[in-house]
Amino acid sequence: MQHLKSKLDQGYTVEIKIRSSIDDINPTTIRNVQSFLLSQKQYHVEVKETTYSTGLFQIEHSAPAELFQLLEENKQKLNIETYTISQKTLEQMFLLFGKQIRATTL
């Protein structure tokens, strides 16, 4: 299983929740986080989903330590309350594998 993950895995999923109260939820705040991540040219960032206070991003070509450092250094500036960095799940790996097979047979 680890061999499959290392062969197919292209990065990490980053989920970010911004600090906000019910009165000051501002959609531009999560857009600021999104813009910041997209401006990081050393990574390939794909926006998976955003809401008023959360964002889900797929970040390729990176090490988790680099992502951790980047987010910690900019946590206050971007108003980040919490974030998680995780590897793809086994289900996501099989879906990716299926897409790759379909793409080569078309």
N, C-alpha and C. Protein backbone atom coordinates (compact mmCIF):
# COMPACT_ATOMS: atom_id res chain seq x y z
N MET A 1 0.83 -1.19 0.00
CA MET A 1 0.00 0.00 0.00
C MET A 1 0.87 1.26 0.00
N GLN A 2 1.93 1.28 0.81
CA GLN A 2 2.81 2.45 0.85
C GLN A 2 3.49 2.66 -0.50
N HIS A 3 3.82 1.55 -1.18
CA HIS A 3 4.43 1.65 -2.51
C HIS A 3 3.47 2.34 -3.48
N LEU A 4 2.20 1.97 -3.43
CA LEU A 4 1.19 2.58 -4.28
C LEU A 4 1.07 4.07 -3.97
N LYS A 5 1.03 4.42 -2.69
CA LYS A 5 0.92 5.84 -2.31
C LYS A 5 2.13 6.63 -2.80
N SER A 6 3.34 6.07 -2.64
CA SER A 6 4.53 6.81 -3.05
C SER A 6 4.61 6.94 -4.56
N LYS A 7 4.08 5.96 -5.29
CA LYS A 7 4.10 6.01 -6.75
C LYS A 7 3.09 7.01 -7.30
N LEU A 8 1.90 7.06 -6.71
CA LEU A 8 0.83 7.91 -7.24
C LEU A 8 0.69 9.25 -6.54
N ASP A 9 1.13 9.34 -5.31
CA ASP A 9 0.89 10.54 -4.52
C ASP A 9 1.66 11.72 -5.09
N GLN A 10 0.96 12.81 -5.27
CA GLN A 10 1.57 14.01 -5.84
C GLN A 10 1.55 15.19 -4.89
N GLY A 11 1.26 14.97 -3.63
CA GLY A 11 1.24 16.11 -2.74
C GLY A 11 0.38 15.89 -1.52
N TYR A 12 -0.09 17.01 -0.99
CA TYR A 12 -0.82 17.00 0.28
C TYR A 12 -2.10 17.81 0.16
N THR A 13 -3.05 17.45 0.99
CA THR A 13 -4.28 18.20 1.11
C THR A 13 -4.13 19.12 2.31
N VAL A 14 -4.44 20.40 2.11
CA VAL A 14 -4.35 21.38 3.19
C VAL A 14 -5.75 21.96 3.40
N GLU A 15 -6.24 21.83 4.62
CA GLU A 15 -7.53 22.41 4.99
C GLU A 15 -7.26 23.55 5.95
N ILE A 16 -7.80 24.73 5.64
CA ILE A 16 -7.54 25.93 6.42
C ILE A 16 -8.86 26.52 6.90
N LYS A 17 -8.89 26.88 8.17
CA LYS A 17 -10.05 27.57 8.76
C LYS A 17 -9.55 28.92 9.25
N ILE A 18 -10.23 29.98 8.83
CA ILE A 18 -9.83 31.31 9.25
C ILE A 18 -10.55 31.70 10.54
N ARG A 19 -9.92 32.61 11.27
CA ARG A 19 -10.47 33.13 12.52
C ARG A 19 -11.58 34.11 12.18
N SER A 20 -12.76 33.90 12.73
CA SER A 20 -13.85 34.85 12.50
C SER A 20 -14.98 34.59 13.48
N SER A 21 -15.74 35.62 13.71
CA SER A 21 -16.95 35.46 14.51
C SER A 21 -18.13 35.49 13.56
N ILE A 22 -19.29 35.21 14.04
CA ILE A 22 -20.49 35.19 13.20
C ILE A 22 -20.76 36.56 12.58
N ASP A 23 -20.32 37.63 13.28
CA ASP A 23 -20.59 38.98 12.79
C ASP A 23 -19.60 39.45 11.73
N ASP A 24 -18.39 38.88 11.73
CA ASP A 24 -17.40 39.45 10.81
C ASP A 24 -16.92 38.46 9.75
N ILE A 25 -17.76 37.48 9.41
CA ILE A 25 -17.38 36.57 8.34
C ILE A 25 -17.34 37.36 7.04
N ASN A 26 -16.19 37.32 6.43
CA ASN A 26 -15.94 38.12 5.24
C ASN A 26 -15.37 37.20 4.16
N PRO A 27 -16.07 37.02 3.05
CA PRO A 27 -15.58 36.09 2.03
C PRO A 27 -14.23 36.48 1.45
N THR A 28 -13.84 37.75 1.58
CA THR A 28 -12.54 38.13 1.04
C THR A 28 -11.40 37.56 1.87
N THR A 29 -11.65 37.22 3.13
CA THR A 29 -10.58 36.69 3.98
C THR A 29 -10.09 35.35 3.47
N ILE A 30 -10.98 34.42 3.16
CA ILE A 30 -10.54 33.13 2.64
C ILE A 30 -9.97 33.31 1.23
N ARG A 31 -10.46 34.29 0.50
CA ARG A 31 -9.87 34.58 -0.82
C ARG A 31 -8.45 35.09 -0.68
N ASN A 32 -8.16 35.82 0.41
CA ASN A 32 -6.78 36.26 0.65
C ASN A 32 -5.86 35.06 0.86
N VAL A 33 -6.34 34.07 1.60
CA VAL A 33 -5.56 32.85 1.82
C VAL A 33 -5.36 32.14 0.48
N GLN A 34 -6.43 32.02 -0.28
CA GLN A 34 -6.36 31.37 -1.59
C GLN A 34 -5.36 32.09 -2.50
N SER A 35 -5.43 33.41 -2.57
CA SER A 35 -4.50 34.18 -3.40
C SER A 35 -3.06 34.00 -2.94
N PHE A 36 -2.87 33.99 -1.63
CA PHE A 36 -1.53 33.79 -1.08
C PHE A 36 -0.96 32.44 -1.51
N LEU A 37 -1.75 31.38 -1.35
CA LEU A 37 -1.26 30.05 -1.73
C LEU A 37 -1.00 29.96 -3.23
N LEU A 38 -1.88 30.52 -4.04
CA LEU A 38 -1.68 30.48 -5.49
C LEU A 38 -0.46 31.29 -5.92
N SER A 39 -0.05 32.27 -5.13
CA SER A 39 1.12 33.08 -5.47
C SER A 39 2.44 32.38 -5.16
N GLN A 40 2.38 31.27 -4.46
CA GLN A 40 3.59 30.51 -4.11
C GLN A 40 4.01 29.69 -5.32
N LYS A 41 4.89 30.23 -6.14
CA LYS A 41 5.24 29.62 -7.43
C LYS A 41 6.00 28.31 -7.29
N GLN A 42 6.59 28.04 -6.12
CA GLN A 42 7.34 26.79 -5.95
C GLN A 42 6.41 25.58 -5.80
N TYR A 43 5.11 25.83 -5.62
CA TYR A 43 4.14 24.75 -5.45
C TYR A 43 3.11 24.81 -6.56
N HIS A 44 2.52 23.67 -6.84
CA HIS A 44 1.35 23.64 -7.72
C HIS A 44 0.15 23.53 -6.79
N VAL A 45 -0.67 24.58 -6.75
CA VAL A 45 -1.81 24.63 -5.83
C VAL A 45 -3.11 24.52 -6.62
N GLU A 46 -3.97 23.62 -6.19
CA GLU A 46 -5.29 23.48 -6.78
C GLU A 46 -6.33 23.74 -5.70
N VAL A 47 -7.24 24.66 -5.98
CA VAL A 47 -8.32 24.97 -5.04
C VAL A 47 -9.40 23.92 -5.22
N LYS A 48 -9.68 23.18 -4.15
CA LYS A 48 -10.70 22.14 -4.20
C LYS A 48 -12.07 22.67 -3.79
N GLU A 49 -12.09 23.49 -2.73
CA GLU A 49 -13.37 23.98 -2.20
C GLU A 49 -13.10 25.14 -1.26
N THR A 50 -13.98 26.14 -1.30
CA THR A 50 -13.90 27.23 -0.32
C THR A 50 -15.31 27.57 0.15
N THR A 51 -15.37 28.03 1.40
CA THR A 51 -16.60 28.58 1.97
C THR A 51 -16.20 29.94 2.54
N TYR A 52 -17.09 30.56 3.30
CA TYR A 52 -16.75 31.85 3.89
C TYR A 52 -15.57 31.76 4.85
N SER A 53 -15.42 30.63 5.54
CA SER A 53 -14.37 30.57 6.56
C SER A 53 -13.41 29.40 6.42
N THR A 54 -13.57 28.58 5.37
CA THR A 54 -12.67 27.45 5.19
C THR A 54 -12.22 27.32 3.74
N GLY A 55 -11.09 26.68 3.57
CA GLY A 55 -10.59 26.40 2.24
C GLY A 55 -9.93 25.04 2.22
N LEU A 56 -10.11 24.32 1.13
CA LEU A 56 -9.50 23.01 0.94
C LEU A 56 -8.65 23.09 -0.32
N PHE A 57 -7.35 22.80 -0.17
CA PHE A 57 -6.41 22.97 -1.26
C PHE A 57 -5.58 21.70 -1.44
N GLN A 58 -5.28 21.38 -2.70
CA GLN A 58 -4.36 20.29 -3.01
C GLN A 58 -3.04 20.95 -3.41
N ILE A 59 -1.98 20.61 -2.72
CA ILE A 59 -0.68 21.23 -2.98
C ILE A 59 0.31 20.14 -3.36
N GLU A 60 0.86 20.26 -4.58
CA GLU A 60 1.79 19.26 -5.09
C GLU A 60 3.22 19.78 -5.03
N HIS A 61 4.14 18.85 -5.15
CA HIS A 61 5.56 19.15 -5.20
C HIS A 61 6.03 19.90 -3.96
N SER A 62 5.73 19.35 -2.82
CA SER A 62 6.12 20.00 -1.57
C SER A 62 6.36 18.95 -0.50
N ALA A 63 7.05 19.38 0.53
CA ALA A 63 7.25 18.54 1.71
C ALA A 63 6.37 19.10 2.81
N PRO A 64 5.83 18.25 3.68
CA PRO A 64 4.95 18.76 4.73
C PRO A 64 5.65 19.77 5.64
N ALA A 65 6.94 19.60 5.87
CA ALA A 65 7.66 20.56 6.71
C ALA A 65 7.69 21.95 6.09
N GLU A 66 7.84 22.00 4.76
CA GLU A 66 7.83 23.30 4.06
C GLU A 66 6.46 23.96 4.17
N LEU A 67 5.41 23.18 3.99
CA LEU A 67 4.06 23.72 4.10
C LEU A 67 3.78 24.22 5.51
N PHE A 68 4.20 23.43 6.49
CA PHE A 68 4.02 23.82 7.89
C PHE A 68 4.71 25.15 8.15
N GLN A 69 5.96 25.28 7.70
CA GLN A 69 6.70 26.52 7.91
C GLN A 69 6.03 27.70 7.22
N LEU A 70 5.60 27.50 5.98
CA LEU A 70 4.93 28.57 5.23
C LEU A 70 3.67 29.04 5.95
N LEU A 71 2.85 28.09 6.41
CA LEU A 71 1.60 28.46 7.07
C LEU A 71 1.85 29.08 8.44
N GLU A 72 2.80 28.56 9.19
CA GLU A 72 3.11 29.13 10.50
C GLU A 72 3.64 30.56 10.38
N GLU A 73 4.50 30.80 9.40
CA GLU A 73 5.07 32.14 9.22
C GLU A 73 4.02 33.17 8.81
N ASN A 74 2.95 32.72 8.20
CA ASN A 74 1.93 33.64 7.69
C ASN A 74 0.57 33.49 8.38
N LYS A 75 0.54 32.77 9.48
CA LYS A 75 -0.71 32.48 10.19
C LYS A 75 -1.41 33.75 10.66
N GLN A 76 -0.70 34.64 11.29
CA GLN A 76 -1.30 35.89 11.79
C GLN A 76 -1.75 36.78 10.65
N LYS A 77 -0.87 36.95 9.67
CA LYS A 77 -1.16 37.84 8.54
C LYS A 77 -2.42 37.39 7.79
N LEU A 78 -2.60 36.08 7.65
CA LEU A 78 -3.73 35.54 6.90
C LEU A 78 -4.94 35.23 7.78
N ASN A 79 -4.83 35.50 9.07
CA ASN A 79 -5.94 35.30 10.01
C ASN A 79 -6.36 33.82 10.09
N ILE A 80 -5.37 32.92 10.05
CA ILE A 80 -5.65 31.48 10.09
C ILE A 80 -5.85 31.04 11.53
N GLU A 81 -6.97 30.39 11.78
CA GLU A 81 -7.24 29.84 13.11
C GLU A 81 -6.61 28.45 13.25
N THR A 82 -6.95 27.56 12.32
CA THR A 82 -6.38 26.21 12.33
C THR A 82 -6.13 25.75 10.90
N TYR A 83 -5.26 24.77 10.77
CA TYR A 83 -5.04 24.14 9.47
C TYR A 83 -4.58 22.71 9.68
N THR A 84 -4.83 21.89 8.68
CA THR A 84 -4.33 20.51 8.70
C THR A 84 -3.64 20.23 7.37
N ILE A 85 -2.60 19.44 7.45
CA ILE A 85 -1.87 18.98 6.27
C ILE A 85 -1.95 17.46 6.29
N SER A 86 -2.48 16.87 5.23
CA SER A 86 -2.64 15.42 5.23
C SER A 86 -2.32 14.82 3.87
N GLN A 87 -1.97 13.54 3.89
CA GLN A 87 -1.76 12.81 2.66
C GLN A 87 -3.10 12.40 2.10
N LYS A 88 -3.09 12.02 0.83
CA LYS A 88 -4.31 11.52 0.22
C LYS A 88 -4.73 10.22 0.90
N THR A 89 -6.03 10.02 0.97
CA THR A 89 -6.54 8.77 1.53
C THR A 89 -6.40 7.66 0.48
N LEU A 90 -6.55 6.44 0.93
CA LEU A 90 -6.48 5.30 0.01
C LEU A 90 -7.57 5.41 -1.05
N GLU A 91 -8.74 5.86 -0.66
CA GLU A 91 -9.83 6.04 -1.63
C GLU A 91 -9.44 7.06 -2.69
N GLN A 92 -8.86 8.18 -2.28
CA GLN A 92 -8.42 9.20 -3.24
C GLN A 92 -7.36 8.64 -4.18
N MET A 93 -6.47 7.79 -3.65
CA MET A 93 -5.43 7.18 -4.47
C MET A 93 -6.05 6.29 -5.55
N PHE A 94 -7.04 5.48 -5.19
CA PHE A 94 -7.67 4.60 -6.17
C PHE A 94 -8.45 5.41 -7.21
N LEU A 95 -9.09 6.49 -6.80
CA LEU A 95 -9.78 7.35 -7.77
C LEU A 95 -8.79 7.96 -8.75
N LEU A 96 -7.66 8.42 -8.25
CA LEU A 96 -6.61 8.98 -9.10
C LEU A 96 -6.09 7.92 -10.06
N PHE A 97 -5.86 6.73 -9.54
CA PHE A 97 -5.38 5.61 -10.36
C PHE A 97 -6.38 5.31 -11.47
N GLY A 98 -7.67 5.29 -11.14
CA GLY A 98 -8.71 5.05 -12.13
C GLY A 98 -8.74 6.12 -13.20
N LYS A 99 -8.57 7.38 -12.82
CA LYS A 99 -8.54 8.48 -13.78
C LYS A 99 -7.35 8.34 -14.72
N GLN A 100 -6.20 7.95 -14.18
CA GLN A 100 -5.00 7.78 -15.00
C GLN A 100 -5.19 6.66 -16.01
N ILE A 101 -5.81 5.57 -15.59
CA ILE A 101 -6.07 4.45 -16.50
C ILE A 101 -7.03 4.88 -17.60
N ARG A 102 -8.11 5.57 -17.22
CA ARG A 102 -9.08 6.05 -18.21
C ARG A 102 -8.43 6.99 -19.21
N ALA A 103 -7.55 7.87 -18.72
CA ALA A 103 -6.90 8.85 -19.60
C ALA A 103 -6.00 8.16 -20.62
N THR A 104 -5.35 7.07 -20.23
CA THR A 104 -4.45 6.39 -21.16
C THR A 104 -5.20 5.51 -22.15
N THR A 105 -6.43 5.14 -21.85
CA THR A 105 -7.20 4.28 -22.76
C THR A 105 -8.08 5.07 -23.71
N LEU A 106 -8.19 6.37 -23.52
CA LEU A 106 -9.04 7.18 -24.41
C LEU A 106 -8.30 7.61 -25.64
